[in-house]
Every structure is written in C-alpha cells, then in structure tokens.
PDB file of N, CA and C in Angstrom:
ATOM      1  N   MET A   1      27.852 -78.490 -20.747  1.00  0.00           N
ATOM      2  CA  MET A   1      27.520 -78.517 -19.337  1.00  0.00           C
ATOM      3  C   MET A   1      27.162 -79.963 -18.975  1.00  0.00           C
ATOM      4  N   SER A   2      27.682 -80.401 -17.856  1.00  0.00           N
ATOM      5  CA  SER A   2      27.434 -81.783 -17.442  1.00  0.00           C
ATOM      6  C   SER A   2      26.024 -81.933 -16.863  1.00  0.00           C
ATOM      7  N   GLU A   3      25.606 -83.175 -16.737  1.00  0.00           N
ATOM      8  CA  GLU A   3      24.274 -83.456 -16.176  1.00  0.00           C
ATOM      9  C   GLU A   3      24.196 -82.984 -14.728  1.00  0.00           C
ATOM     10  N   LYS A   4      25.292 -83.158 -13.994  1.00  0.00           N
ATOM     11  CA  LYS A   4      25.320 -82.731 -12.594  1.00  0.00           C
ATOM     12  C   LYS A   4      25.162 -81.213 -12.482  1.00  0.00           C
ATOM     13  N   GLU A   5      25.814 -80.470 -13.368  1.00  0.00           N
ATOM     14  CA  GLU A   5      25.697 -79.012 -13.364  1.00  0.00           C
ATOM     15  C   GLU A   5      24.278 -78.575 -13.719  1.00  0.00           C
ATOM     16  N   LEU A   6      23.663 -79.262 -14.672  1.00  0.00           N
ATOM     17  CA  LEU A   6      22.276 -78.942 -15.035  1.00  0.00           C
ATOM     18  C   LEU A   6      21.327 -79.204 -13.873  1.00  0.00           C
ATOM     19  N   LEU A   7      21.565 -80.296 -13.150  1.00  0.00           N
ATOM     20  CA  LEU A   7      20.730 -80.598 -11.986  1.00  0.00           C
ATOM     21  C   LEU A   7      20.905 -79.541 -10.903  1.00  0.00           C
ATOM     22  N   TYR A   8      22.139 -79.067 -10.737  1.00  0.00           N
ATOM     23  CA  TYR A   8      22.387 -78.003  -9.762  1.00  0.00           C
ATOM     24  C   TYR A   8      21.635 -76.738 -10.148  1.00  0.00           C
ATOM     25  N   LEU A   9      21.692 -76.366 -11.416  1.00  0.00           N
ATOM     26  CA  LEU A   9      20.984 -75.164 -11.874  1.00  0.00           C
ATOM     27  C   LEU A   9      19.475 -75.311 -11.700  1.00  0.00           C
ATOM     28  N   GLU A  10      18.965 -76.489 -12.011  1.00  0.00           N
ATOM     29  CA  GLU A  10      17.526 -76.735 -11.842  1.00  0.00           C
ATOM     30  C   GLU A  10      17.130 -76.578 -10.381  1.00  0.00           C
ATOM     31  N   ASP A  11      17.939 -77.111  -9.493  1.00  0.00           N
ATOM     32  CA  ASP A  11      17.675 -77.002  -8.059  1.00  0.00           C
ATOM     33  C   ASP A  11      17.745 -75.553  -7.603  1.00  0.00           C
ATOM     34  N   ALA A  12      18.767 -74.834  -8.045  1.00  0.00           N
ATOM     35  CA  ALA A  12      18.930 -73.429  -7.667  1.00  0.00           C
ATOM     36  C   ALA A  12      17.773 -72.580  -8.194  1.00  0.00           C
ATOM     37  N   LEU A  13      17.322 -72.861  -9.423  1.00  0.00           N
ATOM     38  CA  LEU A  13      16.179 -72.125  -9.984  1.00  0.00           C
ATOM     39  C   LEU A  13      14.925 -72.364  -9.143  1.00  0.00           C
ATOM     40  N   GLY A  14      14.723 -73.595  -8.730  1.00  0.00           N
ATOM     41  CA  GLY A  14      13.559 -73.913  -7.890  1.00  0.00           C
ATOM     42  C   GLY A  14      13.600 -73.178  -6.562  1.00  0.00           C
ATOM     43  N   HIS A  15      14.790 -73.112  -5.958  1.00  0.00           N
ATOM     44  CA  HIS A  15      14.928 -72.404  -4.685  1.00  0.00           C
ATOM     45  C   HIS A  15      14.671 -70.909  -4.848  1.00  0.00           C
ATOM     46  N   GLU A  16      15.235 -70.325  -5.892  1.00  0.00           N
ATOM     47  CA  GLU A  16      15.037 -68.891  -6.116  1.00  0.00           C
ATOM     48  C   GLU A  16      13.573 -68.574  -6.401  1.00  0.00           C
ATOM     49  N   GLN A  17      12.917 -69.429  -7.163  1.00  0.00           N
ATOM     50  CA  GLN A  17      11.500 -69.212  -7.467  1.00  0.00           C
ATOM     51  C   GLN A  17      10.663 -69.312  -6.191  1.00  0.00           C
ATOM     52  N   PHE A  18      10.966 -70.297  -5.348  1.00  0.00           N
ATOM     53  CA  PHE A  18      10.249 -70.459  -4.083  1.00  0.00           C
ATOM     54  C   PHE A  18      10.441 -69.228  -3.193  1.00  0.00           C
ATOM     55  N   LEU A  19      11.695 -68.776  -3.058  1.00  0.00           N
ATOM     56  CA  LEU A  19      11.970 -67.621  -2.203  1.00  0.00           C
ATOM     57  C   LEU A  19      11.322 -66.350  -2.739  1.00  0.00           C
ATOM     58  N   MET A  20      11.334 -66.193  -4.057  1.00  0.00           N
ATOM     59  CA  MET A  20      10.695 -65.029  -4.674  1.00  0.00           C
ATOM     60  C   MET A  20       9.194 -65.035  -4.372  1.00  0.00           C
ATOM     61  N   THR A  21       8.568 -66.191  -4.515  1.00  0.00           N
ATOM     62  CA  THR A  21       7.131 -66.318  -4.250  1.00  0.00           C
ATOM     63  C   THR A  21       6.818 -66.045  -2.786  1.00  0.00           C
ATOM     64  N   GLN A  22       7.613 -66.610  -1.887  1.00  0.00           N
ATOM     65  CA  GLN A  22       7.374 -66.418  -0.456  1.00  0.00           C
ATOM     66  C   GLN A  22       7.524 -64.947  -0.066  1.00  0.00           C
ATOM     67  N   CYS A  23       8.547 -64.294  -0.576  1.00  0.00           N
ATOM     68  CA  CYS A  23       8.758 -62.872  -0.256  1.00  0.00           C
ATOM     69  C   CYS A  23       7.631 -62.009  -0.816  1.00  0.00           C
ATOM     70  N   THR A  24       7.187 -62.311  -2.031  1.00  0.00           N
ATOM     71  CA  THR A  24       6.100 -61.544  -2.649  1.00  0.00           C
ATOM     72  C   THR A  24       4.812 -61.698  -1.846  1.00  0.00           C
ATOM     73  N   GLU A  25       4.500 -62.930  -1.447  1.00  0.00           N
ATOM     74  CA  GLU A  25       3.291 -63.170  -0.655  1.00  0.00           C
ATOM     75  C   GLU A  25       3.381 -62.508   0.713  1.00  0.00           C
ATOM     76  N   CYS A  26       4.547 -62.563   1.318  1.00  0.00           N
ATOM     77  CA  CYS A  26       4.735 -61.944   2.631  1.00  0.00           C
ATOM     78  C   CYS A  26       4.601 -60.426   2.535  1.00  0.00           C
ATOM     79  N   ALA A  27       5.208 -59.830   1.515  1.00  0.00           N
ATOM     80  CA  ALA A  27       5.144 -58.372   1.345  1.00  0.00           C
ATOM     81  C   ALA A  27       3.702 -57.910   1.156  1.00  0.00           C
ATOM     82  N   ALA A  28       2.900 -58.718   0.477  1.00  0.00           N
ATOM     83  CA  ALA A  28       1.504 -58.347   0.239  1.00  0.00           C
ATOM     84  C   ALA A  28       0.703 -58.299   1.544  1.00  0.00           C
ATOM     85  N   LYS A  29       1.148 -59.039   2.543  1.00  0.00           N
ATOM     86  CA  LYS A  29       0.417 -59.105   3.816  1.00  0.00           C
ATOM     87  C   LYS A  29       0.909 -58.084   4.845  1.00  0.00           C
ATOM     88  N   LEU A  30       2.075 -57.513   4.606  1.00  0.00           N
ATOM     89  CA  LEU A  30       2.648 -56.587   5.579  1.00  0.00           C
ATOM     90  C   LEU A  30       1.976 -55.217   5.506  1.00  0.00           C
ATOM     91  N   THR A  31       1.864 -54.579   6.660  1.00  0.00           N
ATOM     92  CA  THR A  31       1.264 -53.250   6.715  1.00  0.00           C
ATOM     93  C   THR A  31       2.308 -52.167   6.978  1.00  0.00           C
ATOM     94  N   ASP A  32       3.416 -52.528   7.615  1.00  0.00           N
ATOM     95  CA  ASP A  32       4.480 -51.564   7.875  1.00  0.00           C
ATOM     96  C   ASP A  32       5.191 -51.236   6.561  1.00  0.00           C
ATOM     97  N   PRO A  33       5.145 -49.978   6.112  1.00  0.00           N
ATOM     98  CA  PRO A  33       5.708 -49.620   4.805  1.00  0.00           C
ATOM     99  C   PRO A  33       7.204 -49.904   4.677  1.00  0.00           C
ATOM    100  N   GLN A  34       7.955 -49.667   5.743  1.00  0.00           N
ATOM    101  CA  GLN A  34       9.395 -49.890   5.693  1.00  0.00           C
ATOM    102  C   GLN A  34       9.718 -51.378   5.542  1.00  0.00           C
ATOM    103  N   LEU A  35       9.035 -52.190   6.313  1.00  0.00           N
ATOM    104  CA  LEU A  35       9.237 -53.636   6.246  1.00  0.00           C
ATOM    105  C   LEU A  35       8.751 -54.192   4.910  1.00  0.00           C
ATOM    106  N   LYS A  36       7.621 -53.662   4.440  1.00  0.00           N
ATOM    107  CA  LYS A  36       7.072 -54.085   3.150  1.00  0.00           C
ATOM    108  C   LYS A  36       8.059 -53.791   2.020  1.00  0.00           C
ATOM    109  N   ASN A  37       8.665 -52.612   2.027  1.00  0.00           N
ATOM    110  CA  ASN A  37       9.661 -52.246   1.012  1.00  0.00           C
ATOM    111  C   ASN A  37      10.881 -53.155   1.081  1.00  0.00           C
ATOM    112  N   PHE A  38      11.315 -53.475   2.301  1.00  0.00           N
ATOM    113  CA  PHE A  38      12.469 -54.351   2.466  1.00  0.00           C
ATOM    114  C   PHE A  38      12.197 -55.738   1.893  1.00  0.00           C
ATOM    115  N   VAL A  39      11.054 -56.312   2.234  1.00  0.00           N
ATOM    116  CA  VAL A  39      10.712 -57.658   1.763  1.00  0.00           C
ATOM    117  C   VAL A  39      10.463 -57.642   0.252  1.00  0.00           C
ATOM    118  N   SER A  40       9.886 -56.577  -0.258  1.00  0.00           N
ATOM    119  CA  SER A  40       9.710 -56.447  -1.706  1.00  0.00           C
ATOM    120  C   SER A  40      11.066 -56.399  -2.408  1.00  0.00           C
ATOM    121  N   GLY A  41      12.034 -55.752  -1.779  1.00  0.00           N
ATOM    122  CA  GLY A  41      13.393 -55.713  -2.313  1.00  0.00           C
ATOM    123  C   GLY A  41      14.028 -57.101  -2.334  1.00  0.00           C
ATOM    124  N   LEU A  42      13.746 -57.882  -1.296  1.00  0.00           N
ATOM    125  CA  LEU A  42      14.241 -59.262  -1.280  1.00  0.00           C
ATOM    126  C   LEU A  42      13.633 -60.060  -2.428  1.00  0.00           C
ATOM    127  N   ALA A  43      12.343 -59.874  -2.667  1.00  0.00           N
ATOM    128  CA  ALA A  43      11.678 -60.565  -3.775  1.00  0.00           C
ATOM    129  C   ALA A  43      12.312 -60.172  -5.103  1.00  0.00           C
ATOM    130  N   ALA A  44      12.620 -58.892  -5.261  1.00  0.00           N
ATOM    131  CA  ALA A  44      13.249 -58.428  -6.494  1.00  0.00           C
ATOM    132  C   ALA A  44      14.648 -59.028  -6.655  1.00  0.00           C
ATOM    133  N   SER A  45      15.383 -59.136  -5.549  1.00  0.00           N
ATOM    134  CA  SER A  45      16.718 -59.734  -5.598  1.00  0.00           C
ATOM    135  C   SER A  45      16.649 -61.193  -6.030  1.00  0.00           C
ATOM    136  N   HIS A  46      15.691 -61.918  -5.480  1.00  0.00           N
ATOM    137  CA  HIS A  46      15.534 -63.333  -5.860  1.00  0.00           C
ATOM    138  C   HIS A  46      15.089 -63.457  -7.314  1.00  0.00           C
ATOM    139  N   SER A  47      14.295 -62.522  -7.772  1.00  0.00           N
ATOM    140  CA  SER A  47      13.881 -62.520  -9.174  1.00  0.00           C
ATOM    141  C   SER A  47      15.083 -62.304 -10.095  1.00  0.00           C
ATOM    142  N   GLU A  48      15.949 -61.369  -9.723  1.00  0.00           N
ATOM    143  CA  GLU A  48      17.159 -61.109 -10.508  1.00  0.00           C
ATOM    144  C   GLU A  48      18.075 -62.331 -10.528  1.00  0.00           C
ATOM    145  N   LEU A  49      18.232 -62.976  -9.369  1.00  0.00           N
ATOM    146  CA  LEU A  49      19.060 -64.183  -9.305  1.00  0.00           C
ATOM    147  C   LEU A  49      18.472 -65.297 -10.167  1.00  0.00           C
ATOM    148  N   PHE A  50      17.146 -65.442 -10.111  1.00  0.00           N
ATOM    149  CA  PHE A  50      16.480 -66.449 -10.932  1.00  0.00           C
ATOM    150  C   PHE A  50      16.766 -66.191 -12.410  1.00  0.00           C
ATOM    151  N   ASN A  51      16.594 -64.941 -12.837  1.00  0.00           N
ATOM    152  CA  ASN A  51      16.829 -64.603 -14.243  1.00  0.00           C
ATOM    153  C   ASN A  51      18.286 -64.811 -14.651  1.00  0.00           C
ATOM    154  N   SER A  52      19.209 -64.489 -13.756  1.00  0.00           N
ATOM    155  CA  SER A  52      20.633 -64.699 -14.062  1.00  0.00           C
ATOM    156  C   SER A  52      20.940 -66.182 -14.234  1.00  0.00           C
ATOM    157  N   LEU A  53      20.407 -66.998 -13.328  1.00  0.00           N
ATOM    158  CA  LEU A  53      20.625 -68.443 -13.432  1.00  0.00           C
ATOM    159  C   LEU A  53      19.965 -69.000 -14.689  1.00  0.00           C
ATOM    160  N   TYR A  54      18.779 -68.520 -14.991  1.00  0.00           N
ATOM    161  CA  TYR A  54      18.062 -69.005 -16.163  1.00  0.00           C
ATOM    162  C   TYR A  54      18.811 -68.669 -17.456  1.00  0.00           C
ATOM    163  N   ASN A  55      19.444 -67.500 -17.484  1.00  0.00           N
ATOM    164  CA  ASN A  55      20.196 -67.082 -18.658  1.00  0.00           C
ATOM    165  C   ASN A  55      21.443 -67.925 -18.895  1.00  0.00           C
ATOM    166  N   VAL A  56      21.922 -68.610 -17.860  1.00  0.00           N
ATOM    167  CA  VAL A  56      23.062 -69.514 -18.017  1.00  0.00           C
ATOM    168  C   VAL A  56      22.678 -70.682 -18.925  1.00  0.00           C
ATOM    169  N   LEU A  57      21.416 -71.069 -18.839  1.00  0.00           N
ATOM    170  CA  LEU A  57      20.944 -72.180 -19.670  1.00  0.00           C
ATOM    171  C   LEU A  57      20.835 -71.717 -21.103  1.00  0.00           C
TER     172      LEU A  57
END
C-alpha cells in the first residue's frame, strides 16, 4: 500500500470515528424514541465502516 493510500485510510478512519462519536452523543440527548433509534443506527453504521476500514490495515 502506498503512503498516499495509507494517508487516505487514516483520514477516513478519523472521519468515521468523529461521526460515530457525534451520533452517539446526539442519541444520548434525544428523547424521541424513534429519532433516538435512527441516530443510534447511524452511529452503528459508522462503527461498522470504521471497523471495515481498520481491517484493511
């Protein structure tokens, strides 16, 4: 893997981690159960993407 590809993966991992954290924090503050479940699902999706990208390394 080239240095440029590694930098791309590092950047993508950082973005996924940030989005996962933001969604998790937002879901914790929501009171509407339907919206909370939706945002929690987004956090789970970002977590899965993070793990998939991490496994490439």
